[in-house]
């Protein structure tokens, strides 16, 4: 009698592994740090600062191509005249 192989849910394993890594990084970077940005001084856990930096980078990485695509779309009709 052939055995049925059960499919592995790789997405769940990957999400679980990423959550575990995020938890380890958060626990290792929980010390308070002082950050000076222009005229603003912030005391916060390092993980919060890291997450804020990642969020700003992701926002720029998402917005830049969208804005460039939008600007290219505005230029093309003017060039066709």
N, C-alpha and C. Protein backbone atom coordinates (compact mmCIF):
# COMPACT_ATOMS: atom_id res chain seq x y z
N UNK A 1 0.84 -1.17 0.00
CA UNK A 1 0.00 0.00 0.00
C UNK A 1 0.90 1.25 0.00
N UNK A 2 0.79 2.12 -1.03
CA UNK A 2 1.66 3.31 -1.08
C UNK A 2 1.28 4.32 0.00
N UNK A 3 2.32 4.93 0.56
CA UNK A 3 2.12 5.97 1.56
C UNK A 3 1.86 7.30 0.88
N UNK A 4 0.91 8.05 1.41
CA UNK A 4 0.66 9.39 0.89
C UNK A 4 1.62 10.35 1.56
N UNK A 5 2.34 11.12 0.75
CA UNK A 5 3.26 12.09 1.35
C UNK A 5 2.50 13.38 1.63
N UNK A 6 2.65 13.84 2.84
CA UNK A 6 1.99 15.08 3.24
C UNK A 6 2.86 16.25 2.80
N UNK A 7 2.24 17.23 2.14
CA UNK A 7 3.00 18.39 1.68
C UNK A 7 3.39 19.27 2.86
N UNK A 8 4.60 19.78 2.79
CA UNK A 8 5.12 20.66 3.83
C UNK A 8 4.67 22.09 3.50
N UNK A 9 4.16 22.78 4.51
CA UNK A 9 3.74 24.16 4.34
C UNK A 9 4.96 25.06 4.54
N UNK A 10 5.70 25.31 3.45
CA UNK A 10 6.94 26.07 3.54
C UNK A 10 6.71 27.49 3.98
N UNK A 11 5.60 28.07 3.57
CA UNK A 11 5.31 29.46 3.94
C UNK A 11 5.23 29.60 5.46
N UNK A 12 4.58 28.67 6.12
CA UNK A 12 4.47 28.72 7.58
C UNK A 12 5.84 28.56 8.24
N UNK A 13 6.67 27.67 7.70
CA UNK A 13 8.02 27.48 8.25
C UNK A 13 8.86 28.75 8.07
N UNK A 14 8.76 29.37 6.92
CA UNK A 14 9.54 30.59 6.66
C UNK A 14 9.08 31.73 7.56
N UNK A 15 7.76 31.90 7.69
CA UNK A 15 7.23 32.94 8.57
C UNK A 15 7.65 32.68 10.01
N UNK A 16 7.59 31.44 10.44
CA UNK A 16 8.01 31.09 11.80
C UNK A 16 9.49 31.36 12.03
N UNK A 17 10.32 31.01 11.04
CA UNK A 17 11.76 31.25 11.17
C UNK A 17 12.06 32.75 11.20
N UNK A 18 11.40 33.53 10.36
CA UNK A 18 11.60 34.98 10.36
C UNK A 18 11.14 35.61 11.67
N UNK A 19 10.04 35.12 12.22
CA UNK A 19 9.55 35.62 13.51
C UNK A 19 10.55 35.29 14.62
N UNK A 20 11.13 34.10 14.58
CA UNK A 20 12.12 33.72 15.58
C UNK A 20 13.37 34.59 15.47
N UNK A 21 13.82 34.84 14.25
CA UNK A 21 14.99 35.71 14.05
C UNK A 21 14.69 37.13 14.53
N UNK A 22 13.50 37.63 14.21
CA UNK A 22 13.11 38.98 14.65
C UNK A 22 13.08 39.06 16.17
N UNK A 23 12.58 38.02 16.82
CA UNK A 23 12.53 38.00 18.28
C UNK A 23 13.94 37.99 18.87
N UNK A 24 14.83 37.20 18.31
CA UNK A 24 16.21 37.14 18.78
C UNK A 24 16.89 38.50 18.61
N UNK A 25 16.71 39.12 17.45
CA UNK A 25 17.31 40.43 17.20
C UNK A 25 16.75 41.47 18.17
N UNK A 26 15.44 41.43 18.41
CA UNK A 26 14.82 42.38 19.32
C UNK A 26 15.35 42.20 20.73
N UNK A 27 15.51 40.98 21.18
CA UNK A 27 16.01 40.74 22.53
C UNK A 27 17.47 41.13 22.67
N UNK A 28 18.26 40.96 21.62
CA UNK A 28 19.67 41.31 21.68
C UNK A 28 19.90 42.82 21.55
N UNK A 29 18.93 43.54 21.03
CA UNK A 29 19.08 44.98 20.82
C UNK A 29 18.08 45.78 21.64
N UNK A 30 17.91 45.40 22.88
CA UNK A 30 16.92 46.07 23.72
C UNK A 30 17.52 47.20 24.55
N UNK A 31 18.84 47.42 24.48
CA UNK A 31 19.44 48.47 25.28
C UNK A 31 19.01 49.86 24.78
N UNK A 32 18.96 50.80 25.70
CA UNK A 32 18.60 52.18 25.36
C UNK A 32 19.76 52.86 24.65
N UNK A 33 19.46 53.60 23.61
CA UNK A 33 20.47 54.37 22.90
C UNK A 33 19.96 55.79 22.71
N UNK A 34 20.90 56.70 22.56
CA UNK A 34 20.56 58.11 22.31
C UNK A 34 20.84 58.39 20.84
N UNK A 35 19.85 58.95 20.15
CA UNK A 35 19.99 59.25 18.73
C UNK A 35 19.74 60.74 18.54
N UNK A 36 20.68 61.42 17.89
CA UNK A 36 20.54 62.84 17.57
C UNK A 36 20.28 62.97 16.07
N UNK A 37 19.13 63.54 15.72
CA UNK A 37 18.78 63.78 14.33
C UNK A 37 18.43 65.26 14.20
N UNK A 38 19.28 65.99 13.51
CA UNK A 38 19.14 67.44 13.37
C UNK A 38 18.99 68.08 14.74
N UNK A 39 17.83 68.64 15.05
CA UNK A 39 17.62 69.30 16.33
C UNK A 39 16.87 68.42 17.32
N UNK A 40 16.65 67.17 16.99
CA UNK A 40 15.86 66.25 17.81
C UNK A 40 16.77 65.22 18.46
N UNK A 41 16.60 65.01 19.77
CA UNK A 41 17.34 63.98 20.50
C UNK A 41 16.33 62.99 21.05
N UNK A 42 16.56 61.70 20.76
CA UNK A 42 15.62 60.64 21.16
C UNK A 42 16.38 59.58 21.94
N UNK A 43 15.83 59.17 23.08
CA UNK A 43 16.33 58.01 23.81
C UNK A 43 15.31 56.90 23.62
N UNK A 44 15.73 55.80 23.00
CA UNK A 44 14.81 54.71 22.70
C UNK A 44 15.59 53.41 22.64
N UNK A 45 14.89 52.27 22.77
CA UNK A 45 15.58 50.98 22.58
C UNK A 45 16.13 50.89 21.15
N UNK A 46 17.26 50.27 21.02
CA UNK A 46 17.92 50.17 19.72
C UNK A 46 17.03 49.50 18.68
N UNK A 47 16.27 48.51 19.07
CA UNK A 47 15.40 47.82 18.10
C UNK A 47 14.36 48.77 17.51
N UNK A 48 13.87 49.71 18.31
CA UNK A 48 12.90 50.69 17.80
C UNK A 48 13.56 51.58 16.76
N UNK A 49 14.78 52.00 17.04
CA UNK A 49 15.52 52.83 16.09
C UNK A 49 15.79 52.05 14.80
N UNK A 50 16.18 50.79 14.94
CA UNK A 50 16.43 49.95 13.76
C UNK A 50 15.17 49.76 12.93
N UNK A 51 14.05 49.49 13.60
CA UNK A 51 12.79 49.31 12.88
C UNK A 51 12.35 50.60 12.19
N UNK A 52 12.57 51.74 12.84
CA UNK A 52 12.23 53.02 12.22
C UNK A 52 13.09 53.25 10.98
N UNK A 53 14.38 52.92 11.06
CA UNK A 53 15.27 53.08 9.91
C UNK A 53 14.85 52.16 8.76
N UNK A 54 14.47 50.93 9.09
CA UNK A 54 14.00 50.00 8.07
C UNK A 54 12.71 50.51 7.43
N UNK A 55 11.80 51.05 8.25
CA UNK A 55 10.54 51.56 7.72
C UNK A 55 10.78 52.75 6.79
N UNK A 56 11.67 53.65 7.17
CA UNK A 56 11.99 54.79 6.31
C UNK A 56 12.62 54.31 5.01
N UNK A 57 13.54 53.36 5.09
CA UNK A 57 14.16 52.82 3.89
C UNK A 57 13.16 52.12 2.98
N UNK A 58 12.24 51.37 3.57
CA UNK A 58 11.21 50.68 2.78
C UNK A 58 10.29 51.69 2.11
N UNK A 59 9.94 52.75 2.83
CA UNK A 59 9.07 53.78 2.26
C UNK A 59 9.75 54.48 1.09
N UNK A 60 11.02 54.79 1.24
CA UNK A 60 11.77 55.42 0.14
C UNK A 60 11.90 54.44 -1.03
N UNK A 61 12.20 53.18 -0.72
CA UNK A 61 12.34 52.17 -1.77
C UNK A 61 11.05 51.92 -2.53
N UNK A 62 9.92 52.11 -1.87
CA UNK A 62 8.63 51.94 -2.54
C UNK A 62 8.23 53.21 -3.28
N UNK A 63 8.42 54.38 -2.64
CA UNK A 63 7.93 55.63 -3.20
C UNK A 63 8.76 56.11 -4.39
N UNK A 64 10.06 55.91 -4.36
CA UNK A 64 10.91 56.43 -5.43
C UNK A 64 10.52 55.89 -6.81
N UNK A 65 10.38 54.56 -6.98
CA UNK A 65 9.98 54.07 -8.31
C UNK A 65 8.58 54.53 -8.72
N UNK A 66 7.66 54.62 -7.75
CA UNK A 66 6.31 55.07 -8.06
C UNK A 66 6.34 56.51 -8.55
N UNK A 67 7.08 57.37 -7.85
CA UNK A 67 7.17 58.76 -8.26
C UNK A 67 7.88 58.91 -9.60
N UNK A 68 8.95 58.15 -9.82
CA UNK A 68 9.64 58.23 -11.09
C UNK A 68 8.76 57.75 -12.24
N UNK A 69 8.00 56.69 -12.01
CA UNK A 69 7.09 56.19 -13.03
C UNK A 69 6.03 57.23 -13.34
N UNK A 70 5.53 57.90 -12.30
CA UNK A 70 4.51 58.94 -12.47
C UNK A 70 5.08 60.11 -13.27
N UNK A 71 6.30 60.51 -12.95
CA UNK A 71 6.91 61.64 -13.66
C UNK A 71 7.19 61.28 -15.12
N UNK A 72 7.61 60.05 -15.39
CA UNK A 72 7.84 59.64 -16.77
C UNK A 72 6.54 59.66 -17.56
N UNK A 73 5.45 59.28 -16.91
CA UNK A 73 4.15 59.29 -17.57
C UNK A 73 3.70 60.69 -17.92
N UNK A 74 4.07 61.68 -17.11
CA UNK A 74 3.70 63.06 -17.39
C UNK A 74 4.53 63.64 -18.53
N UNK A 75 5.78 63.21 -18.68
CA UNK A 75 6.66 63.75 -19.71
C UNK A 75 6.34 63.21 -21.09
N UNK A 76 5.93 61.99 -21.20
CA UNK A 76 5.73 61.36 -22.51
C UNK A 76 4.70 62.09 -23.39
N UNK A 77 3.54 62.45 -22.87
CA UNK A 77 2.61 63.18 -23.77
C UNK A 77 3.20 64.51 -24.27
N UNK A 78 3.98 65.18 -23.47
CA UNK A 78 4.58 66.46 -23.89
C UNK A 78 5.62 66.21 -24.97
N UNK A 79 6.34 65.09 -24.90
CA UNK A 79 7.36 64.79 -25.91
C UNK A 79 6.75 64.39 -27.23
N UNK A 80 5.51 63.90 -27.23
CA UNK A 80 4.87 63.43 -28.47
C UNK A 80 4.31 64.57 -29.30
N UNK A 81 4.20 65.77 -28.77
CA UNK A 81 3.64 66.90 -29.50
C UNK A 81 4.58 67.42 -30.57
